[in-house]
PDB file of N, CA and C in Angstrom:
ATOM      1  N   UNK A   1       0.842  -1.176   0.000  1.00  0.00           N
ATOM      2  CA  UNK A   1       0.000   0.000   0.000  1.00  0.00           C
ATOM      3  C   UNK A   1       0.881   1.231   0.000  1.00  0.00           C
ATOM      4  N   UNK A   2       0.540   2.193  -0.794  1.00  0.00           N
ATOM      5  CA  UNK A   2       1.315   3.432  -0.873  1.00  0.00           C
ATOM      6  C   UNK A   2       0.559   4.566  -0.203  1.00  0.00           C
ATOM      7  N   UNK A   3       1.296   5.347   0.528  1.00  0.00           N
ATOM      8  CA  UNK A   3       0.707   6.518   1.178  1.00  0.00           C
ATOM      9  C   UNK A   3       1.069   7.748   0.356  1.00  0.00           C
ATOM     10  N   UNK A   4       0.071   8.473  -0.064  1.00  0.00           N
ATOM     11  CA  UNK A   4       0.318   9.666  -0.875  1.00  0.00           C
ATOM     12  C   UNK A   4       0.334  10.939  -0.033  1.00  0.00           C
ATOM     13  N   UNK A   5       0.224  10.789   1.287  1.00  0.00           N
ATOM     14  CA  UNK A   5       0.235  11.974   2.143  1.00  0.00           C
ATOM     15  C   UNK A   5       1.669  12.490   2.288  1.00  0.00           C
ATOM     16  N   UNK A   6       1.854  13.797   2.370  1.00  0.00           N
ATOM     17  CA  UNK A   6       3.208  14.345   2.484  1.00  0.00           C
ATOM     18  C   UNK A   6       3.809  14.081   3.863  1.00  0.00           C
ATOM     19  N   UNK A   7       5.105  13.948   3.912  1.00  0.00           N
ATOM     20  CA  UNK A   7       5.830  13.764   5.166  1.00  0.00           C
ATOM     21  C   UNK A   7       6.015  15.139   5.814  1.00  0.00           C
ATOM     22  N   UNK A   8       5.403  15.410   6.974  1.00  0.00           N
ATOM     23  CA  UNK A   8       5.508  16.738   7.584  1.00  0.00           C
ATOM     24  C   UNK A   8       6.907  17.051   8.097  1.00  0.00           C
ATOM     25  N   UNK A   9       7.762  16.053   8.237  1.00  0.00           N
ATOM     26  CA  UNK A   9       9.126  16.271   8.726  1.00  0.00           C
ATOM     27  C   UNK A   9      10.117  16.539   7.605  1.00  0.00           C
ATOM     28  N   UNK A  10       9.717  16.340   6.362  1.00  0.00           N
ATOM     29  CA  UNK A  10      10.606  16.541   5.222  1.00  0.00           C
ATOM     30  C   UNK A  10      10.516  17.993   4.766  1.00  0.00           C
ATOM     31  N   UNK A  11      11.656  18.647   4.632  1.00  0.00           N
ATOM     32  CA  UNK A  11      11.713  20.054   4.244  1.00  0.00           C
ATOM     33  C   UNK A  11      12.652  20.200   3.051  1.00  0.00           C
ATOM     34  N   UNK A  12      12.093  20.543   1.917  1.00  0.00           N
ATOM     35  CA  UNK A  12      12.855  20.738   0.690  1.00  0.00           C
ATOM     36  C   UNK A  12      13.186  22.215   0.549  1.00  0.00           C
ATOM     37  N   UNK A  13      14.453  22.530   0.317  1.00  0.00           N
ATOM     38  CA  UNK A  13      14.876  23.916   0.148  1.00  0.00           C
ATOM     39  C   UNK A  13      14.439  24.372  -1.240  1.00  0.00           C
ATOM     40  N   UNK A  14      13.531  25.352  -1.276  1.00  0.00           N
ATOM     41  CA  UNK A  14      12.999  25.837  -2.545  1.00  0.00           C
ATOM     42  C   UNK A  14      13.627  27.144  -2.994  1.00  0.00           C
ATOM     43  N   UNK A  15      14.295  27.857  -2.076  1.00  0.00           N
ATOM     44  CA  UNK A  15      14.940  29.122  -2.438  1.00  0.00           C
ATOM     45  C   UNK A  15      16.068  29.419  -1.457  1.00  0.00           C
ATOM     46  N   UNK A  16      17.109  30.058  -1.959  1.00  0.00           N
ATOM     47  CA  UNK A  16      18.224  30.535  -1.145  1.00  0.00           C
ATOM     48  C   UNK A  16      18.369  32.027  -1.381  1.00  0.00           C
ATOM     49  N   UNK A  17      18.528  32.791  -0.293  1.00  0.00           N
ATOM     50  CA  UNK A  17      18.682  34.237  -0.389  1.00  0.00           C
ATOM     51  C   UNK A  17      19.922  34.652   0.384  1.00  0.00           C
ATOM     52  N   UNK A  18      20.840  35.315  -0.296  1.00  0.00           N
ATOM     53  CA  UNK A  18      22.051  35.780   0.378  1.00  0.00           C
ATOM     54  C   UNK A  18      21.751  37.122   1.032  1.00  0.00           C
ATOM     55  N   UNK A  19      22.001  37.196   2.346  1.00  0.00           N
ATOM     56  CA  UNK A  19      21.833  38.447   3.081  1.00  0.00           C
ATOM     57  C   UNK A  19      23.207  38.868   3.574  1.00  0.00           C
ATOM     58  N   UNK A  20      23.263  39.879   4.395  1.00  0.00           N
ATOM     59  CA  UNK A  20      24.560  40.334   4.892  1.00  0.00           C
ATOM     60  C   UNK A  20      25.157  39.296   5.836  1.00  0.00           C
ATOM     61  N   UNK A  21      26.051  38.470   5.319  1.00  0.00           N
ATOM     62  CA  UNK A  21      26.759  37.495   6.122  1.00  0.00           C
ATOM     63  C   UNK A  21      26.109  36.133   6.246  1.00  0.00           C
ATOM     64  N   UNK A  22      24.870  35.956   5.791  1.00  0.00           N
ATOM     65  CA  UNK A  22      24.169  34.677   5.908  1.00  0.00           C
ATOM     66  C   UNK A  22      23.513  34.308   4.586  1.00  0.00           C
ATOM     67  N   UNK A  23      23.142  33.045   4.471  1.00  0.00           N
ATOM     68  CA  UNK A  23      22.322  32.571   3.365  1.00  0.00           C
ATOM     69  C   UNK A  23      21.071  31.964   3.988  1.00  0.00           C
ATOM     70  N   UNK A  24      19.910  32.543   3.685  1.00  0.00           N
ATOM     71  CA  UNK A  24      18.650  32.109   4.282  1.00  0.00           C
ATOM     72  C   UNK A  24      17.971  31.117   3.354  1.00  0.00           C
ATOM     73  N   UNK A  25      17.598  29.950   3.918  1.00  0.00           N
ATOM     74  CA  UNK A  25      16.892  28.912   3.178  1.00  0.00           C
ATOM     75  C   UNK A  25      15.386  29.096   3.348  1.00  0.00           C
ATOM     76  N   UNK A  26      14.667  28.979   2.242  1.00  0.00           N
ATOM     77  CA  UNK A  26      13.215  28.896   2.294  1.00  0.00           C
ATOM     78  C   UNK A  26      12.859  27.444   2.045  1.00  0.00           C
ATOM     79  N   UNK A  27      12.109  26.846   2.977  1.00  0.00           N
ATOM     80  CA  UNK A  27      11.809  25.422   2.892  1.00  0.00           C
ATOM     81  C   UNK A  27      10.307  25.183   2.805  1.00  0.00           C
ATOM     82  N   UNK A  28       9.950  24.002   2.326  1.00  0.00           N
ATOM     83  CA  UNK A  28       8.556  23.580   2.353  1.00  0.00           C
ATOM     84  C   UNK A  28       8.201  23.207   3.789  1.00  0.00           C
ATOM     85  N   UNK A  29       6.946  23.298   4.157  1.00  0.00           N
ATOM     86  CA  UNK A  29       6.444  22.982   5.504  1.00  0.00           C
ATOM     87  C   UNK A  29       7.176  23.760   6.601  1.00  0.00           C
ATOM     88  N   UNK A  30       7.275  25.107   6.513  1.00  0.00           N
ATOM     89  CA  UNK A  30       8.067  25.842   7.498  1.00  0.00           C
ATOM     90  C   UNK A  30       7.314  26.227   8.771  1.00  0.00           C
ATOM     91  N   UNK A  31       6.023  25.923   8.861  1.00  0.00           N
ATOM     92  CA  UNK A  31       5.228  26.394   9.993  1.00  0.00           C
ATOM     93  C   UNK A  31       4.827  25.262  10.927  1.00  0.00           C
ATOM     94  N   UNK A  32       4.447  25.640  12.129  1.00  0.00           N
ATOM     95  CA  UNK A  32       3.955  24.705  13.147  1.00  0.00           C
ATOM     96  C   UNK A  32       4.958  23.602  13.476  1.00  0.00           C
ATOM     97  N   UNK A  33       6.216  23.962  13.578  1.00  0.00           N
ATOM     98  CA  UNK A  33       7.253  23.014  13.960  1.00  0.00           C
ATOM     99  C   UNK A  33       7.543  23.233  15.443  1.00  0.00           C
ATOM    100  N   UNK A  34       7.478  22.171  16.212  1.00  0.00           N
ATOM    101  CA  UNK A  34       7.679  22.261  17.662  1.00  0.00           C
ATOM    102  C   UNK A  34       9.105  21.885  18.032  1.00  0.00           C
ATOM    103  N   UNK A  35       9.497  22.266  19.223  1.00  0.00           N
ATOM    104  CA  UNK A  35      10.828  21.942  19.707  1.00  0.00           C
ATOM    105  C   UNK A  35      11.020  20.434  19.770  1.00  0.00           C
ATOM    106  N   UNK A  36      12.197  19.998  19.371  1.00  0.00           N
ATOM    107  CA  UNK A  36      12.630  18.606  19.331  1.00  0.00           C
ATOM    108  C   UNK A  36      11.916  17.787  18.264  1.00  0.00           C
ATOM    109  N   UNK A  37      11.262  18.446  17.318  1.00  0.00           N
ATOM    110  CA  UNK A  37      10.677  17.731  16.186  1.00  0.00           C
ATOM    111  C   UNK A  37      11.785  17.186  15.292  1.00  0.00           C
ATOM    112  N   UNK A  38      11.560  15.993  14.780  1.00  0.00           N
ATOM    113  CA  UNK A  38      12.460  15.383  13.807  1.00  0.00           C
ATOM    114  C   UNK A  38      12.474  16.258  12.553  1.00  0.00           C
ATOM    115  N   UNK A  39      13.620  16.377  11.896  1.00  0.00           N
ATOM    116  CA  UNK A  39      13.783  17.311  10.793  1.00  0.00           C
ATOM    117  C   UNK A  39      14.591  16.650   9.688  1.00  0.00           C
ATOM    118  N   UNK A  40      14.034  16.559   8.485  1.00  0.00           N
ATOM    119  CA  UNK A  40      14.752  16.080   7.301  1.00  0.00           C
ATOM    120  C   UNK A  40      14.898  17.244   6.342  1.00  0.00           C
ATOM    121  N   UNK A  41      16.093  17.441   5.810  1.00  0.00           N
ATOM    122  CA  UNK A  41      16.380  18.572   4.935  1.00  0.00           C
ATOM    123  C   UNK A  41      17.042  18.094   3.657  1.00  0.00           C
ATOM    124  N   UNK A  42      16.614  18.654   2.534  1.00  0.00           N
ATOM    125  CA  UNK A  42      17.211  18.323   1.248  1.00  0.00           C
ATOM    126  C   UNK A  42      17.313  19.591   0.413  1.00  0.00           C
ATOM    127  N   UNK A  43      18.501  19.877  -0.110  1.00  0.00           N
ATOM    128  CA  UNK A  43      18.701  21.049  -0.957  1.00  0.00           C
ATOM    129  C   UNK A  43      18.323  20.731  -2.389  1.00  0.00           C
ATOM    130  N   UNK A  44      17.536  21.599  -2.967  1.00  0.00           N
ATOM    131  CA  UNK A  44      17.144  21.486  -4.368  1.00  0.00           C
ATOM    132  C   UNK A  44      17.969  22.447  -5.227  1.00  0.00           C
ATOM    133  N   UNK A  45      18.540  23.455  -4.589  1.00  0.00           N
ATOM    134  CA  UNK A  45      19.266  24.521  -5.279  1.00  0.00           C
ATOM    135  C   UNK A  45      20.740  24.467  -4.890  1.00  0.00           C
ATOM    136  N   UNK A  46      21.611  24.581  -5.868  1.00  0.00           N
ATOM    137  CA  UNK A  46      23.048  24.615  -5.615  1.00  0.00           C
ATOM    138  C   UNK A  46      23.408  25.964  -4.998  1.00  0.00           C
ATOM    139  N   UNK A  47      24.016  25.992  -3.804  1.00  0.00           N
ATOM    140  CA  UNK A  47      24.358  27.266  -3.174  1.00  0.00           C
ATOM    141  C   UNK A  47      25.385  28.075  -3.950  1.00  0.00           C
ATOM    142  N   UNK A  48      26.175  27.432  -4.812  1.00  0.00           N
ATOM    143  CA  UNK A  48      27.164  28.168  -5.607  1.00  0.00           C
ATOM    144  C   UNK A  48      26.517  29.116  -6.601  1.00  0.00           C
ATOM    145  N   UNK A  49      25.246  28.903  -6.931  1.00  0.00           N
ATOM    146  CA  UNK A  49      24.542  29.816  -7.833  1.00  0.00           C
ATOM    147  C   UNK A  49      24.089  31.079  -7.113  1.00  0.00           C
ATOM    148  N   UNK A  50      24.104  31.056  -5.775  1.00  0.00           N
ATOM    149  CA  UNK A  50      23.633  32.209  -4.987  1.00  0.00           C
ATOM    150  C   UNK A  50      24.787  32.931  -4.309  1.00  0.00           C
ATOM    151  N   UNK A  51      25.714  32.178  -3.730  1.00  0.00           N
ATOM    152  CA  UNK A  51      26.824  32.759  -2.976  1.00  0.00           C
ATOM    153  C   UNK A  51      27.937  33.133  -3.933  1.00  0.00           C
ATOM    154  N   UNK A  52      28.315  34.403  -3.918  1.00  0.00           N
ATOM    155  CA  UNK A  52      29.343  34.877  -4.837  1.00  0.00           C
ATOM    156  C   UNK A  52      30.721  34.959  -4.183  1.00  0.00           C
ATOM    157  N   UNK A  53      30.765  35.141  -2.875  1.00  0.00           N
ATOM    158  CA  UNK A  53      32.044  35.278  -2.188  1.00  0.00           C
ATOM    159  C   UNK A  53      32.407  34.043  -1.395  1.00  0.00           C
ATOM    160  N   UNK A  54      32.966  34.273  -0.220  1.00  0.00           N
ATOM    161  CA  UNK A  54      33.364  33.179   0.669  1.00  0.00           C
ATOM    162  C   UNK A  54      32.129  32.455   1.207  1.00  0.00           C
ATOM    163  N   UNK A  55      32.285  31.194   1.592  1.00  0.00           N
ATOM    164  CA  UNK A  55      31.154  30.451   2.154  1.00  0.00           C
ATOM    165  C   UNK A  55      30.551  31.172   3.360  1.00  0.00           C
ATOM    166  N   UNK A  56      29.234  31.183   3.423  1.00  0.00           N
ATOM    167  CA  UNK A  56      28.512  31.870   4.491  1.00  0.00           C
ATOM    168  C   UNK A  56      27.672  30.867   5.267  1.00  0.00           C
ATOM    169  N   UNK A  57      27.389  31.159   6.543  1.00  0.00           N
ATOM    170  CA  UNK A  57      26.562  30.238   7.320  1.00  0.00           C
ATOM    171  C   UNK A  57      25.109  30.243   6.854  1.00  0.00           C
ATOM    172  N   UNK A  58      24.457  29.089   7.001  1.00  0.00           N
ATOM    173  CA  UNK A  58      23.052  28.956   6.637  1.00  0.00           C
ATOM    174  C   UNK A  58      22.146  29.382   7.775  1.00  0.00           C
ATOM    175  N   UNK A  59      21.004  29.900   7.419  1.00  0.00           N
ATOM    176  CA  UNK A  59      19.872  30.124   8.324  1.00  0.00           C
ATOM    177  C   UNK A  59      18.659  29.527   7.625  1.00  0.00           C
ATOM    178  N   UNK A  60      17.669  29.067   8.406  1.00  0.00           N
ATOM    179  CA  UNK A  60      16.443  28.502   7.851  1.00  0.00           C
ATOM    180  C   UNK A  60      15.266  29.266   8.433  1.00  0.00           C
ATOM    181  N   UNK A  61      14.311  29.617   7.594  1.00  0.00           N
ATOM    182  CA  UNK A  61      13.101  30.263   8.073  1.00  0.00           C
ATOM    183  C   UNK A  61      12.154  29.195   8.612  1.00  0.00           C
ATOM    184  N   UNK A  62      11.986  29.195   9.929  1.00  0.00           N
ATOM    185  CA  UNK A  62      11.116  28.240  10.621  1.00  0.00           C
ATOM    186  C   UNK A  62      10.141  29.040  11.485  1.00  0.00           C
ATOM    187  N   UNK A  63       8.866  28.742  11.378  1.00  0.00           N
ATOM    188  CA  UNK A  63       7.830  29.422  12.159  1.00  0.00           C
ATOM    189  C   UNK A  63       7.943  30.947  12.052  1.00  0.00           C
ATOM    190  N   UNK A  64       8.337  31.433  10.896  1.00  0.00           N
ATOM    191  CA  UNK A  64       8.387  32.866  10.634  1.00  0.00           C
ATOM    192  C   UNK A  64       9.667  33.577  11.004  1.00  0.00           C
ATOM    193  N   UNK A  65      10.642  32.894  11.578  1.00  0.00           N
ATOM    194  CA  UNK A  65      11.898  33.559  11.909  1.00  0.00           C
ATOM    195  C   UNK A  65      13.082  32.728  11.419  1.00  0.00           C
ATOM    196  N   UNK A  66      14.187  33.414  11.147  1.00  0.00           N
ATOM    197  CA  UNK A  66      15.393  32.747  10.650  1.00  0.00           C
ATOM    198  C   UNK A  66      16.164  32.158  11.824  1.00  0.00           C
ATOM    199  N   UNK A  67      16.413  30.839  11.768  1.00  0.00           N
ATOM    200  CA  UNK A  67      17.155  30.157  12.828  1.00  0.00           C
ATOM    201  C   UNK A  67      18.440  29.577  12.243  1.00  0.00           C
ATOM    202  N   UNK A  68      19.426  29.390  13.084  1.00  0.00           N
ATOM    203  CA  UNK A  68      20.723  28.880  12.647  1.00  0.00           C
ATOM    204  C   UNK A  68      20.642  27.403  12.304  1.00  0.00           C
ATOM    205  N   UNK A  69      21.468  27.000  11.343  1.00  0.00           N
ATOM    206  CA  UNK A  69      21.620  25.600  10.966  1.00  0.00           C
ATOM    207  C   UNK A  69      22.984  25.161  11.481  1.00  0.00           C
ATOM    208  N   UNK A  70      22.986  24.169  12.388  1.00  0.00           N
ATOM    209  CA  UNK A  70      24.216  23.736  13.038  1.00  0.00           C
ATOM    210  C   UNK A  70      24.532  22.294  12.685  1.00  0.00           C
ATOM    211  N   UNK A  71      25.828  21.940  12.764  1.00  0.00           N
ATOM    212  CA  UNK A  71      26.219  20.553  12.553  1.00  0.00           C
ATOM    213  C   UNK A  71      26.225  19.812  13.892  1.00  0.00           C
ATOM    214  N   UNK A  72      26.618  18.554  13.879  1.00  0.00           N
ATOM    215  CA  UNK A  72      26.568  17.748  15.099  1.00  0.00           C
ATOM    216  C   UNK A  72      27.552  18.214  16.158  1.00  0.00           C
ATOM    217  N   UNK A  73      28.477  19.102  15.812  1.00  0.00           N
ATOM    218  CA  UNK A  73      29.392  19.693  16.774  1.00  0.00           C
ATOM    219  C   UNK A  73      28.851  21.018  17.317  1.00  0.00           C
ATOM    220  N   UNK A  74      27.622  21.362  16.941  1.00  0.00           N
ATOM    221  CA  UNK A  74      26.954  22.615  17.325  1.00  0.00           C
ATOM    222  C   UNK A  74      27.662  23.847  16.773  1.00  0.00           C
ATOM    223  N   UNK A  75      28.255  23.694  15.609  1.00  0.00           N
ATOM    224  CA  UNK A  75      28.898  24.802  14.914  1.00  0.00           C
ATOM    225  C   UNK A  75      28.083  25.130  13.666  1.00  0.00           C
ATOM    226  N   UNK A  76      28.123  26.391  13.207  1.00  0.00           N
ATOM    227  CA  UNK A  76      27.344  26.770  12.019  1.00  0.00           C
ATOM    228  C   UNK A  76      27.786  26.004  10.775  1.00  0.00           C
ATOM    229  N   UNK A  77      26.809  25.597   9.983  1.00  0.00           N
ATOM    230  CA  UNK A  77      27.091  24.939   8.712  1.00  0.00           C
ATOM    231  C   UNK A  77      27.179  26.015   7.640  1.00  0.00           C
ATOM    232  N   UNK A  78      28.259  25.984   6.880  1.00  0.00           N
ATOM    233  CA  UNK A  78      28.444  26.973   5.817  1.00  0.00           C
ATOM    234  C   UNK A  78      28.029  26.402   4.467  1.00  0.00           C
ATOM    235  N   UNK A  79      27.928  27.271   3.492  1.00  0.00           N
ATOM    236  CA  UNK A  79      27.372  26.910   2.190  1.00  0.00           C
ATOM    237  C   UNK A  79      28.215  25.919   1.404  1.00  0.00           C
ATOM    238  N   UNK A  80      29.459  25.726   1.775  1.00  0.00           N
ATOM    239  CA  UNK A  80      30.289  24.757   1.049  1.00  0.00           C
ATOM    240  C   UNK A  80      30.247  23.362   1.673  1.00  0.00           C
ATOM    241  N   UNK A  81      29.393  23.135   2.671  1.00  0.00           N
ATOM    242  CA  UNK A  81      29.363  21.867   3.392  1.00  0.00           C
ATOM    243  C   UNK A  81      28.222  20.936   3.008  1.00  0.00           C
ATOM    244  N   UNK A  82      27.093  21.442   2.526  1.00  0.00           N
ATOM    245  CA  UNK A  82      25.951  20.587   2.202  1.00  0.00           C
ATOM    246  C   UNK A  82      25.908  20.289   0.712  1.00  0.00           C
ATOM    247  N   UNK A  83      25.520  19.068   0.389  1.00  0.00           N
ATOM    248  CA  UNK A  83      25.414  18.646  -1.006  1.00  0.00           C
ATOM    249  C   UNK A  83      23.977  18.763  -1.486  1.00  0.00           C
ATOM    250  N   UNK A  84      23.830  19.027  -2.767  1.00  0.00           N
ATOM    251  CA  UNK A  84      22.504  19.080  -3.374  1.00  0.00           C
ATOM    252  C   UNK A  84      21.973  17.654  -3.506  1.00  0.00           C
ATOM    253  N   UNK A  85      20.682  17.474  -3.270  1.00  0.00           N
ATOM    254  CA  UNK A  85      19.955  16.203  -3.404  1.00  0.00           C
ATOM    255  C   UNK A  85      20.378  15.125  -2.411  1.00  0.00           C
ATOM    256  N   UNK A  86      21.025  15.507  -1.324  1.00  0.00           N
ATOM    257  CA  UNK A  86      21.325  14.552  -0.265  1.00  0.00           C
ATOM    258  C   UNK A  86      20.390  14.854   0.899  1.00  0.00           C
ATOM    259  N   UNK A  87      19.845  13.832   1.517  1.00  0.00           N
ATOM    260  CA  UNK A  87      18.922  14.018   2.627  1.00  0.00           C
ATOM    261  C   UNK A  87      19.711  14.088   3.935  1.00  0.00           C
ATOM    262  N   UNK A  88      19.491  15.168   4.680  1.00  0.00           N
ATOM    263  CA  UNK A  88      20.132  15.364   5.975  1.00  0.00           C
ATOM    264  C   UNK A  88      19.091  15.197   7.073  1.00  0.00           C
ATOM    265  N   UNK A  89      19.490  14.618   8.202  1.00  0.00           N
ATOM    266  CA  UNK A  89      18.581  14.320   9.286  1.00  0.00           C
ATOM    267  C   UNK A  89      18.995  15.072  10.535  1.00  0.00           C
ATOM    268  N   UNK A  90      18.013  15.572  11.279  1.00  0.00           N
ATOM    269  CA  UNK A  90      18.332  16.291  12.498  1.00  0.00           C
ATOM    270  C   UNK A  90      17.096  16.596  13.316  1.00  0.00           C
ATOM    271  N   UNK A  91      17.184  17.678  14.084  1.00  0.00           N
ATOM    272  CA  UNK A  91      16.093  18.092  14.965  1.00  0.00           C
ATOM    273  C   UNK A  91      16.007  19.610  14.991  1.00  0.00           C
ATOM    274  N   UNK A  92      14.779  20.098  15.197  1.00  0.00           N
ATOM    275  CA  UNK A  92      14.562  21.516  15.461  1.00  0.00           C
ATOM    276  C   UNK A  92      14.531  21.673  16.978  1.00  0.00           C
ATOM    277  N   UNK A  93      15.331  22.589  17.510  1.00  0.00           N
ATOM    278  CA  UNK A  93      15.425  22.779  18.953  1.00  0.00           C
ATOM    279  C   UNK A  93      15.087  24.227  19.279  1.00  0.00           C
ATOM    280  N   UNK A  94      14.099  24.401  20.174  1.00  0.00           N
ATOM    281  CA  UNK A  94      13.721  25.727  20.669  1.00  0.00           C
ATOM    282  C   UNK A  94      13.885  25.704  22.184  1.00  0.00           C
ATOM    283  N   UNK A  95      15.077  26.083  22.682  1.00  0.00           N
ATOM    284  CA  UNK A  95      15.308  26.019  24.130  1.00  0.00           C
ATOM    285  C   UNK A  95      14.479  27.061  24.887  1.00  0.00           C
ATOM    286  N   UNK A  96      14.293  26.827  26.180  1.00  0.00           N
ATOM    287  CA  UNK A  96      13.534  27.763  27.009  1.00  0.00           C
ATOM    288  C   UNK A  96      14.210  29.131  27.042  1.00  0.00           C
ATOM    289  N   UNK A  97      15.529  29.138  27.097  1.00  0.00           N
ATOM    290  CA  UNK A  97      16.279  30.395  27.027  1.00  0.00           C
ATOM    291  C   UNK A  97      17.267  30.280  25.876  1.00  0.00           C
ATOM    292  N   UNK A  98      17.400  31.310  25.107  1.00  0.00           N
ATOM    293  CA  UNK A  98      18.313  31.287  23.966  1.00  0.00           C
ATOM    294  C   UNK A  98      17.559  31.189  22.654  1.00  0.00           C
ATOM    295  N   UNK A  99      18.318  31.194  21.573  1.00  0.00           N
ATOM    296  CA  UNK A  99      17.742  31.190  20.235  1.00  0.00           C
ATOM    297  C   UNK A  99      17.480  29.766  19.743  1.00  0.00           C
ATOM    298  N   UNK A 100      16.395  29.557  18.995  1.00  0.00           N
ATOM    299  CA  UNK A 100      16.157  28.235  18.411  1.00  0.00           C
ATOM    300  C   UNK A 100      17.150  27.952  17.291  1.00  0.00           C
ATOM    301  N   UNK A 101      17.296  26.676  16.944  1.00  0.00           N
ATOM    302  CA  UNK A 101      18.218  26.264  15.890  1.00  0.00           C
ATOM    303  C   UNK A 101      17.790  24.911  15.340  1.00  0.00           C
ATOM    304  N   UNK A 102      18.364  24.564  14.192  1.00  0.00           N
ATOM    305  CA  UNK A 102      18.205  23.230  13.619  1.00  0.00           C
ATOM    306  C   UNK A 102      19.582  22.598  13.645  1.00  0.00           C
ATOM    307  N   UNK A 103      19.662  21.383  14.205  1.00  0.00           N
ATOM    308  CA  UNK A 103      20.933  20.665  14.252  1.00  0.00           C
ATOM    309  C   UNK A 103      20.824  19.433  13.357  1.00  0.00           C
ATOM    310  N   UNK A 104      21.811  19.257  12.481  1.00  0.00           N
ATOM    311  CA  UNK A 104      21.841  18.111  11.573  1.00  0.00           C
ATOM    312  C   UNK A 104      22.853  17.099  12.091  1.00  0.00           C
ATOM    313  N   UNK A 105      22.450  15.830  12.128  1.00  0.00           N
ATOM    314  CA  UNK A 105      23.293  14.799  12.715  1.00  0.00           C
ATOM    315  C   UNK A 105      24.190  14.097  11.710  1.00  0.00           C
ATOM    316  N   UNK A 106      23.838  14.040  10.447  1.00  0.00           N
ATOM    317  CA  UNK A 106      24.661  13.289   9.490  1.00  0.00           C
ATOM    318  C   UNK A 106      25.548  14.198   8.653  1.00  0.00           C
ATOM    319  N   UNK A 107      26.258  15.071   9.333  1.00  0.00           N
ATOM    320  CA  UNK A 107      27.296  15.875   8.691  1.00  0.00           C
ATOM    321  C   UNK A 107      28.580  15.050   8.700  1.00  0.00           C
ATOM    322  N   UNK A 108      29.624  15.446   7.985  1.00  0.00           N
ATOM    323  CA  UNK A 108      30.844  14.634   7.932  1.00  0.00           C
ATOM    324  C   UNK A 108      31.408  14.314   9.315  1.00  0.00           C
ATOM    325  N   UNK A 109      31.927  13.090   9.488  1.00  0.00           N
ATOM    326  CA  UNK A 109      32.445  12.636  10.776  1.00  0.00           C
ATOM    327  C   UNK A 109      33.782  13.257  11.146  1.00  0.00           C
ATOM    328  N   UNK A 110      34.575  13.616  10.159  1.00  0.00           N
ATOM    329  CA  UNK A 110      35.906  14.125  10.408  1.00  0.00           C
ATOM    330  C   UNK A 110      35.848  15.524  11.035  1.00  0.00           C
ATOM    331  N   UNK A 111      36.530  15.755  12.180  1.00  0.00           N
ATOM    332  CA  UNK A 111      36.500  17.067  12.819  1.00  0.00           C
ATOM    333  C   UNK A 111      36.999  18.204  11.955  1.00  0.00           C
ATOM    334  N   UNK A 112      37.799  17.923  10.913  1.00  0.00           N
ATOM    335  CA  UNK A 112      38.268  19.010  10.066  1.00  0.00           C
ATOM    336  C   UNK A 112      37.103  19.684   9.330  1.00  0.00           C
ATOM    337  N   UNK A 113      35.957  18.984   9.215  1.00  0.00           N
ATOM    338  CA  UNK A 113      34.798  19.571   8.563  1.00  0.00           C
ATOM    339  C   UNK A 113      33.853  20.229   9.548  1.00  0.00           C
ATOM    340  N   UNK A 114      34.264  20.377  10.792  1.00  0.00           N
ATOM    341  CA  UNK A 114      33.382  20.906  11.828  1.00  0.00           C
ATOM    342  C   UNK A 114      33.107  22.389  11.648  1.00  0.00           C
ATOM    343  N   UNK A 115      33.961  23.125  10.980  1.00  0.00           N
ATOM    344  CA  UNK A 115      33.708  24.562  10.811  1.00  0.00           C
ATOM    345  C   UNK A 115      33.517  24.922   9.371  1.00  0.00           C
TER     346      UNK A 115
END
């Protein structure tokens, strides 16, 4: 049996916008995401078509505000680190104090890729 209902945890990047120092991702299903929700991310757009200078950190628009995208070392993920059409897995975290963020768990294992 096939389910044709959309996966609410899957977020496809439909647009990238370069701002001062950041690249903001626009994703599908960006609303009503709660803290500690499972998060799947897939880039549809090559960041090299948007970023003209040095690699910049990603931000994602979630629940109407731009939140940081972090790797498993809790460091910002820059535009030269994610591949197009690869599925990344993580969580959306909205702590009681501090800024919310999305952390991806399947970033490269080697610490040299941590920044």
